[in-house]
Structures are given as structure tokens and as C-alpha cells.
């Protein structure tokens, strides 16, 4: 009789799945943090307005795309992180967490009303998408 008992293959796959889920949650949090800092950098500091003193239409379009897409991607990745982390802990994502990330995403765009409005519409579309996809 051996001194040490071997782990069953089911326990090994469970441990590997849990490690994969935790690593996936960490990567998602890291990407959400990157998009948060990009959003803060472009929305609150407004780098393109400092650099582009001339009226260049292409730079304005790129500026608005970055200002709108970064809070949307932050919201998407942060809710994915909260869902994955809650899945690891055995707790589902609740509406309080979703609303707090929603408000935090809107706060990033508070200085420009055009960006705020378009980001608000985009966040509502993402929330409707999350609601519809959870029933399927």
C-alpha cells in the first residue's frame, strides 16, 4: 500500500479549471485597468487638445473614438471580471456591482457632454445585451 494517495483525475481537472478561471479573471482585471487609465488619460487630462492645436478633423474623430470606446471597454471588461470572480467564489454578479461599474464608467466621461451622451447610450446597449444573453 503506498504512503501517499494519488489525486483522482476529476480533482486535477477541477483544480486546473479553477486556476484557469482565476488566471482569466486576473487578465480581465488587468485589461480593464488599462482601459481605465486610457480613459482617464484622454477624458480627464485631454491630451489631444493639448497636442493638436490646429483644427484637424481626423484627430478629432480619433479623439472621440478613444474617449467613447475606452469607458465602454472598461465597463465590459470590469463586469466580465466581476462575473468571473463571483463565479470562482460562488456568488453571482448582482445589480449593485453592475450599477456601480456603470456609474464609474460614466464618471470617466463627465467633462464632455457629447462623449457622456454617446457613452451613456452605449452602456445602456451593453446592459440590454447582457440582460438578453443571460436568458439564452
N, C-alpha and C. Protein backbone atom coordinates (compact mmCIF):
# COMPACT_ATOMS: atom_id res chain seq x y z
N UNK A 1 0.85 -1.18 0.00
CA UNK A 1 0.00 0.00 0.00
C UNK A 1 0.89 1.24 0.00
N UNK A 2 0.65 2.20 -0.92
CA UNK A 2 1.50 3.39 -0.99
C UNK A 2 1.25 4.32 0.20
N UNK A 3 2.31 5.08 0.53
CA UNK A 3 2.21 6.02 1.64
C UNK A 3 1.33 7.22 1.29
N UNK A 4 1.39 7.66 0.07
CA UNK A 4 0.63 8.84 -0.36
C UNK A 4 -0.46 8.40 -1.32
N UNK A 5 -1.63 8.96 -1.12
CA UNK A 5 -2.72 8.66 -2.04
C UNK A 5 -2.64 9.60 -3.23
N UNK A 6 -2.91 9.07 -4.38
CA UNK A 6 -2.90 9.89 -5.59
C UNK A 6 -4.22 10.63 -5.73
N UNK A 7 -4.11 11.81 -6.32
CA UNK A 7 -5.33 12.56 -6.58
C UNK A 7 -6.03 11.96 -7.79
N UNK A 8 -7.33 11.97 -7.76
CA UNK A 8 -8.07 11.45 -8.90
C UNK A 8 -8.02 12.45 -10.05
N UNK A 9 -8.32 11.98 -11.23
CA UNK A 9 -8.26 12.86 -12.40
C UNK A 9 -9.34 13.94 -12.33
N UNK A 10 -10.46 13.65 -11.67
CA UNK A 10 -11.51 14.66 -11.53
C UNK A 10 -11.04 15.82 -10.65
N UNK A 11 -10.31 15.51 -9.59
CA UNK A 11 -9.79 16.57 -8.72
C UNK A 11 -8.77 17.42 -9.47
N UNK A 12 -7.93 16.78 -10.28
CA UNK A 12 -6.94 17.53 -11.04
C UNK A 12 -7.60 18.47 -12.05
N UNK A 13 -8.63 17.99 -12.75
CA UNK A 13 -9.30 18.86 -13.72
C UNK A 13 -10.05 19.98 -13.02
N UNK A 14 -10.58 19.72 -11.83
CA UNK A 14 -11.25 20.77 -11.07
C UNK A 14 -10.27 21.85 -10.65
N UNK A 15 -9.08 21.43 -10.20
CA UNK A 15 -8.05 22.39 -9.81
C UNK A 15 -7.57 23.17 -11.02
N UNK A 16 -7.38 22.50 -12.15
CA UNK A 16 -6.94 23.19 -13.36
C UNK A 16 -7.99 24.18 -13.86
N UNK A 17 -9.26 23.80 -13.79
CA UNK A 17 -10.32 24.71 -14.20
C UNK A 17 -10.38 25.93 -13.29
N UNK A 18 -10.20 25.72 -12.00
CA UNK A 18 -10.22 26.85 -11.06
C UNK A 18 -9.02 27.77 -11.28
N UNK A 19 -7.84 27.19 -11.54
CA UNK A 19 -6.66 28.00 -11.84
C UNK A 19 -6.86 28.79 -13.12
N UNK A 20 -7.44 28.15 -14.13
CA UNK A 20 -7.69 28.83 -15.40
C UNK A 20 -8.68 29.98 -15.20
N UNK A 21 -9.73 29.75 -14.42
CA UNK A 21 -10.72 30.80 -14.17
C UNK A 21 -10.09 31.96 -13.40
N UNK A 22 -9.25 31.66 -12.43
CA UNK A 22 -8.60 32.73 -11.66
C UNK A 22 -7.63 33.52 -12.54
N UNK A 23 -6.88 32.81 -13.38
CA UNK A 23 -5.96 33.50 -14.29
C UNK A 23 -6.72 34.35 -15.30
N UNK A 24 -7.84 33.84 -15.79
CA UNK A 24 -8.67 34.60 -16.72
C UNK A 24 -9.23 35.86 -16.05
N UNK A 25 -9.62 35.74 -14.79
CA UNK A 25 -10.13 36.91 -14.06
C UNK A 25 -9.03 37.94 -13.86
N UNK A 26 -7.81 37.49 -13.57
CA UNK A 26 -6.70 38.44 -13.40
C UNK A 26 -6.38 39.17 -14.69
N UNK A 27 -6.38 38.44 -15.80
CA UNK A 27 -6.09 39.07 -17.10
C UNK A 27 -7.18 40.08 -17.46
N UNK A 28 -8.43 39.73 -17.19
CA UNK A 28 -9.54 40.64 -17.48
C UNK A 28 -9.45 41.89 -16.62
N UNK A 29 -9.09 41.74 -15.35
CA UNK A 29 -8.92 42.90 -14.48
C UNK A 29 -7.77 43.79 -14.97
N UNK A 30 -6.68 43.18 -15.42
CA UNK A 30 -5.55 43.94 -15.94
C UNK A 30 -5.95 44.74 -17.18
N UNK A 31 -6.69 44.11 -18.09
CA UNK A 31 -7.14 44.82 -19.29
C UNK A 31 -8.13 45.93 -18.95
N UNK A 32 -9.01 45.69 -17.97
CA UNK A 32 -9.94 46.74 -17.54
C UNK A 32 -9.18 47.91 -16.95
N UNK A 33 -8.12 47.64 -16.20
CA UNK A 33 -7.31 48.73 -15.63
C UNK A 33 -6.61 49.52 -16.72
N UNK A 34 -6.14 48.84 -17.76
CA UNK A 34 -5.50 49.54 -18.88
C UNK A 34 -6.50 50.49 -19.54
N UNK A 35 -7.72 49.99 -19.81
CA UNK A 35 -8.71 50.86 -20.45
C UNK A 35 -9.18 51.96 -19.51
N UNK A 36 -9.16 51.73 -18.21
CA UNK A 36 -9.48 52.78 -17.25
C UNK A 36 -8.45 53.90 -17.34
N UNK A 37 -7.17 53.56 -17.33
CA UNK A 37 -6.14 54.59 -17.40
C UNK A 37 -6.14 55.30 -18.75
N UNK A 38 -6.44 54.59 -19.83
CA UNK A 38 -6.56 55.24 -21.13
C UNK A 38 -7.72 56.23 -21.10
N UNK A 39 -8.83 55.83 -20.50
CA UNK A 39 -9.99 56.71 -20.41
C UNK A 39 -9.69 57.95 -19.57
N UNK A 40 -9.05 57.75 -18.44
CA UNK A 40 -8.69 58.90 -17.59
C UNK A 40 -7.72 59.80 -18.33
N UNK A 41 -6.76 59.21 -19.02
CA UNK A 41 -5.76 59.98 -19.73
C UNK A 41 -6.38 60.83 -20.83
N UNK A 42 -7.32 60.27 -21.59
CA UNK A 42 -7.89 61.00 -22.71
C UNK A 42 -9.09 61.85 -22.31
N UNK A 43 -9.88 61.42 -21.34
CA UNK A 43 -11.08 62.17 -20.98
C UNK A 43 -10.81 63.26 -19.95
N UNK A 44 -10.04 62.97 -18.94
CA UNK A 44 -9.85 63.97 -17.89
C UNK A 44 -8.65 64.86 -18.13
N UNK A 45 -7.58 64.32 -18.69
CA UNK A 45 -6.40 65.13 -18.97
C UNK A 45 -6.52 65.81 -20.32
N UNK A 46 -7.20 65.16 -21.27
CA UNK A 46 -7.46 65.70 -22.61
C UNK A 46 -6.17 66.00 -23.36
N UNK A 47 -5.42 64.95 -23.62
CA UNK A 47 -4.12 65.05 -24.28
C UNK A 47 -4.21 65.58 -25.70
N UNK A 48 -5.19 65.13 -26.47
CA UNK A 48 -5.27 65.54 -27.87
C UNK A 48 -5.53 67.02 -28.01
N UNK A 49 -6.25 67.63 -27.09
CA UNK A 49 -6.48 69.07 -27.17
C UNK A 49 -5.19 69.84 -26.94
N UNK A 50 -4.31 69.27 -26.13
CA UNK A 50 -3.03 69.93 -25.90
C UNK A 50 -2.12 69.76 -27.11
N UNK A 51 -2.08 68.54 -27.67
CA UNK A 51 -1.18 68.27 -28.78
C UNK A 51 -1.67 68.87 -30.10
N UNK A 52 -2.94 68.79 -30.36
CA UNK A 52 -3.49 69.21 -31.64
C UNK A 52 -4.03 70.63 -31.51
N UNK A 53 -3.17 71.58 -31.67
CA UNK A 53 -3.60 72.98 -31.58
C UNK A 53 -4.29 73.43 -32.86
N UNK A 54 -4.05 72.70 -33.95
CA UNK A 54 -4.74 73.02 -35.20
C UNK A 54 -6.06 72.27 -35.24
N UNK A 55 -6.97 72.73 -36.06
CA UNK A 55 -8.25 72.06 -36.22
C UNK A 55 -8.12 70.97 -37.27
N UNK A 56 -7.78 69.79 -36.82
CA UNK A 56 -7.63 68.65 -37.72
C UNK A 56 -8.80 67.71 -37.47
N UNK A 57 -9.61 67.48 -38.49
CA UNK A 57 -10.80 66.65 -38.35
C UNK A 57 -10.50 65.21 -38.03
N UNK A 58 -9.43 64.66 -38.62
CA UNK A 58 -9.08 63.27 -38.37
C UNK A 58 -8.67 63.05 -36.92
N UNK A 59 -7.90 63.99 -36.36
CA UNK A 59 -7.51 63.87 -34.95
C UNK A 59 -8.71 64.00 -34.03
N UNK A 60 -9.67 64.84 -34.40
CA UNK A 60 -10.88 64.97 -33.59
C UNK A 60 -11.69 63.68 -33.59
N UNK A 61 -11.79 63.02 -34.75
CA UNK A 61 -12.53 61.77 -34.84
C UNK A 61 -11.84 60.69 -34.01
N UNK A 62 -10.51 60.58 -34.14
CA UNK A 62 -9.75 59.61 -33.35
C UNK A 62 -9.89 59.91 -31.86
N UNK A 63 -9.86 61.18 -31.52
CA UNK A 63 -10.01 61.60 -30.12
C UNK A 63 -11.36 61.15 -29.56
N UNK A 64 -12.44 61.39 -30.30
CA UNK A 64 -13.77 60.98 -29.82
C UNK A 64 -13.92 59.46 -29.77
N UNK A 65 -13.35 58.76 -30.73
CA UNK A 65 -13.44 57.29 -30.72
C UNK A 65 -12.75 56.73 -29.47
N UNK A 66 -11.57 57.23 -29.16
CA UNK A 66 -10.85 56.76 -27.97
C UNK A 66 -11.60 57.15 -26.70
N UNK A 67 -12.14 58.37 -26.66
CA UNK A 67 -12.85 58.83 -25.47
C UNK A 67 -14.13 58.05 -25.22
N UNK A 68 -14.77 57.56 -26.28
CA UNK A 68 -16.02 56.82 -26.12
C UNK A 68 -15.74 55.33 -25.93
N UNK A 69 -14.80 54.77 -26.67
CA UNK A 69 -14.57 53.33 -26.62
C UNK A 69 -13.90 52.88 -25.33
N UNK A 70 -13.03 53.71 -24.75
CA UNK A 70 -12.31 53.26 -23.56
C UNK A 70 -13.23 53.06 -22.35
N UNK A 71 -14.20 53.95 -22.03
CA UNK A 71 -15.10 53.63 -20.92
C UNK A 71 -16.02 52.45 -21.22
N UNK A 72 -16.42 52.28 -22.49
CA UNK A 72 -17.25 51.13 -22.84
C UNK A 72 -16.49 49.82 -22.66
N UNK A 73 -15.24 49.79 -23.11
CA UNK A 73 -14.45 48.58 -22.94
C UNK A 73 -14.12 48.34 -21.46
N UNK A 74 -13.91 49.42 -20.69
CA UNK A 74 -13.71 49.28 -19.26
C UNK A 74 -14.94 48.64 -18.61
N UNK A 75 -16.12 49.12 -18.97
CA UNK A 75 -17.36 48.57 -18.40
C UNK A 75 -17.51 47.10 -18.77
N UNK A 76 -17.29 46.77 -20.03
CA UNK A 76 -17.44 45.40 -20.48
C UNK A 76 -16.46 44.47 -19.78
N UNK A 77 -15.20 44.88 -19.69
CA UNK A 77 -14.20 44.03 -19.06
C UNK A 77 -14.37 43.96 -17.55
N UNK A 78 -14.77 45.06 -16.93
CA UNK A 78 -14.94 45.05 -15.47
C UNK A 78 -16.13 44.18 -15.06
N UNK A 79 -17.23 44.24 -15.81
CA UNK A 79 -18.35 43.37 -15.49
C UNK A 79 -18.00 41.90 -15.76
N UNK A 80 -17.18 41.65 -16.79
CA UNK A 80 -16.71 40.29 -17.03
C UNK A 80 -15.84 39.81 -15.88
N UNK A 81 -14.96 40.69 -15.38
CA UNK A 81 -14.13 40.33 -14.23
C UNK A 81 -14.99 40.04 -13.01
N UNK A 82 -15.94 40.91 -12.72
CA UNK A 82 -16.79 40.69 -11.55
C UNK A 82 -17.60 39.40 -11.68
N UNK A 83 -18.05 39.10 -12.88
CA UNK A 83 -18.77 37.85 -13.10
C UNK A 83 -17.87 36.63 -12.93
N UNK A 84 -16.66 36.68 -13.49
CA UNK A 84 -15.73 35.56 -13.35
C UNK A 84 -15.30 35.36 -11.90
N UNK A 85 -15.00 36.46 -11.24
CA UNK A 85 -14.55 36.37 -9.85
C UNK A 85 -15.68 35.89 -8.95
N UNK A 86 -16.89 36.36 -9.22
CA UNK A 86 -18.03 35.87 -8.47
C UNK A 86 -18.30 34.40 -8.73
N UNK A 87 -18.03 33.95 -9.95
CA UNK A 87 -18.19 32.54 -10.28
C UNK A 87 -17.19 31.68 -9.51
N UNK A 88 -15.98 32.19 -9.37
CA UNK A 88 -14.97 31.47 -8.60
C UNK A 88 -15.39 31.37 -7.13
N UNK A 89 -15.90 32.47 -6.59
CA UNK A 89 -16.32 32.47 -5.19
C UNK A 89 -17.68 31.83 -4.97
N UNK A 90 -18.42 31.62 -6.03
CA UNK A 90 -19.75 31.03 -5.91
C UNK A 90 -20.85 32.05 -5.70
N UNK A 91 -20.57 33.31 -5.98
CA UNK A 91 -21.57 34.36 -5.84
C UNK A 91 -21.85 34.96 -7.21
N UNK A 92 -23.10 35.12 -7.58
CA UNK A 92 -23.41 35.71 -8.89
C UNK A 92 -23.21 37.22 -8.87
N UNK A 93 -23.09 37.78 -10.06
CA UNK A 93 -22.97 39.23 -10.20
C UNK A 93 -24.32 39.86 -9.89
N UNK A 94 -24.36 40.78 -8.95
CA UNK A 94 -25.61 41.41 -8.57
C UNK A 94 -25.75 42.78 -9.24
N UNK A 95 -26.92 43.37 -9.10
CA UNK A 95 -27.18 44.65 -9.76
C UNK A 95 -26.41 45.79 -9.11
N UNK A 96 -26.10 45.68 -7.81
CA UNK A 96 -25.32 46.74 -7.17
C UNK A 96 -23.93 46.87 -7.79
N UNK A 97 -23.31 45.74 -8.07
CA UNK A 97 -22.00 45.76 -8.71
C UNK A 97 -22.06 46.31 -10.11
N UNK A 98 -23.10 45.92 -10.84
CA UNK A 98 -23.27 46.39 -12.22
C UNK A 98 -23.54 47.89 -12.25
N UNK A 99 -24.38 48.39 -11.34
CA UNK A 99 -24.69 49.82 -11.31
C UNK A 99 -23.48 50.63 -10.88
N UNK A 100 -22.70 50.12 -9.94
CA UNK A 100 -21.51 50.87 -9.51
C UNK A 100 -20.49 50.96 -10.64
N UNK A 101 -20.29 49.90 -11.40
CA UNK A 101 -19.37 49.96 -12.55
C UNK A 101 -19.95 50.88 -13.63
N UNK A 102 -21.27 50.86 -13.80
CA UNK A 102 -21.94 51.75 -14.76
C UNK A 102 -21.68 53.21 -14.40
N UNK A 103 -21.89 53.56 -13.14
CA UNK A 103 -21.67 54.95 -12.72
C UNK A 103 -20.20 55.34 -12.79
N UNK A 104 -19.33 54.39 -12.45
CA UNK A 104 -17.90 54.66 -12.53
C UNK A 104 -17.47 54.89 -13.98
N UNK A 105 -18.08 54.17 -14.92
CA UNK A 105 -17.78 54.37 -16.34
C UNK A 105 -18.29 55.73 -16.82
N UNK A 106 -19.45 56.13 -16.35
CA UNK A 106 -19.97 57.44 -16.73
C UNK A 106 -19.16 58.58 -16.12
N UNK A 107 -18.65 58.36 -14.92
CA UNK A 107 -17.85 59.39 -14.27
C UNK A 107 -16.58 59.71 -15.06
N UNK A 108 -16.06 58.73 -15.78
CA UNK A 108 -14.85 58.94 -16.56
C UNK A 108 -15.08 59.94 -17.70
N UNK A 109 -16.33 60.12 -18.14
CA UNK A 109 -16.61 60.96 -19.30
C UNK A 109 -17.34 62.24 -18.91
N UNK A 110 -17.26 62.65 -17.69
CA UNK A 110 -18.09 63.74 -17.18
C UNK A 110 -17.72 65.11 -17.77
N UNK A 111 -16.53 65.27 -18.30
CA UNK A 111 -16.09 66.59 -18.76
C UNK A 111 -16.63 66.99 -20.13
N UNK A 112 -17.07 66.02 -20.94
CA UNK A 112 -17.53 66.32 -22.29
C UNK A 112 -18.94 65.75 -22.45
N UNK A 113 -19.91 66.62 -22.73
CA UNK A 113 -21.30 66.17 -22.78
C UNK A 113 -21.58 65.27 -23.99
N UNK A 114 -20.90 65.49 -25.10
CA UNK A 114 -21.10 64.63 -26.27
C UNK A 114 -20.61 63.22 -25.96
N UNK A 115 -19.43 63.13 -25.40
CA UNK A 115 -18.87 61.82 -25.04
C UNK A 115 -19.73 61.17 -23.96
N UNK A 116 -20.21 61.94 -23.01
CA UNK A 116 -21.06 61.42 -21.94
C UNK A 116 -22.35 60.84 -22.50
N UNK A 117 -22.98 61.55 -23.42
CA UNK A 117 -24.23 61.08 -24.01
C UNK A 117 -24.06 59.82 -24.83
N UNK A 118 -23.05 59.78 -25.67
CA UNK A 118 -22.83 58.61 -26.51
C UNK A 118 -22.39 57.41 -25.66
N UNK A 119 -21.57 57.66 -24.65
CA UNK A 119 -21.16 56.58 -23.75
C UNK A 119 -22.35 56.05 -22.96
N UNK A 120 -23.25 56.93 -22.53
CA UNK A 120 -24.45 56.51 -21.82
C UNK A 120 -25.31 55.60 -22.69
N UNK A 121 -25.50 55.99 -23.95
CA UNK A 121 -26.28 55.16 -24.88
C UNK A 121 -25.58 53.81 -25.10
N UNK A 122 -24.26 53.83 -25.26
CA UNK A 122 -23.51 52.59 -25.43
C UNK A 122 -23.60 51.68 -24.22
N UNK A 123 -23.53 52.26 -23.02
CA UNK A 123 -23.64 51.45 -21.80
C UNK A 123 -25.03 50.84 -21.66
N UNK A 124 -26.05 51.59 -22.02
CA UNK A 124 -27.41 51.04 -21.97
C UNK A 124 -27.54 49.87 -22.95
N UNK A 125 -26.96 50.00 -24.13
CA UNK A 125 -27.00 48.91 -25.12
C UNK A 125 -26.26 47.69 -24.59
N UNK A 126 -25.12 47.88 -23.94
CA UNK A 126 -24.37 46.75 -23.38
C UNK A 126 -25.17 46.07 -22.27
N UNK A 127 -25.83 46.85 -21.41
CA UNK A 127 -26.63 46.27 -20.33
C UNK A 127 -27.82 45.50 -20.90
N UNK A 128 -28.46 46.04 -21.94
CA UNK A 128 -29.56 45.31 -22.59
C UNK A 128 -29.04 44.01 -23.20
N UNK A 129 -27.88 44.07 -23.80
CA UNK A 129 -27.26 42.87 -24.36
C UNK A 129 -27.01 41.83 -23.27
N UNK A 130 -26.43 42.26 -22.13
CA UNK A 130 -26.21 41.34 -21.01
C UNK A 130 -27.52 40.74 -20.52
N UNK A 131 -28.56 41.54 -20.46
CA UNK A 131 -29.85 41.05 -19.98
C UNK A 131 -30.44 40.01 -20.94
N UNK A 132 -30.34 40.28 -22.23
CA UNK A 132 -30.90 39.37 -23.22
C UNK A 132 -30.10 38.08 -23.33
N UNK A 133 -28.79 38.17 -23.20
CA UNK A 133 -27.97 36.98 -23.39
C UNK A 133 -28.03 36.05 -22.18
N UNK A 134 -28.39 36.56 -21.01
CA UNK A 134 -28.43 35.68 -19.84
C UNK A 134 -29.61 34.71 -19.88
N UNK A 135 -30.65 35.04 -20.62
CA UNK A 135 -31.79 34.15 -20.73
C UNK A 135 -31.56 33.02 -21.73
N UNK A 136 -30.61 33.17 -22.64
CA UNK A 136 -30.37 32.14 -23.65
C UNK A 136 -29.50 31.13 -23.08
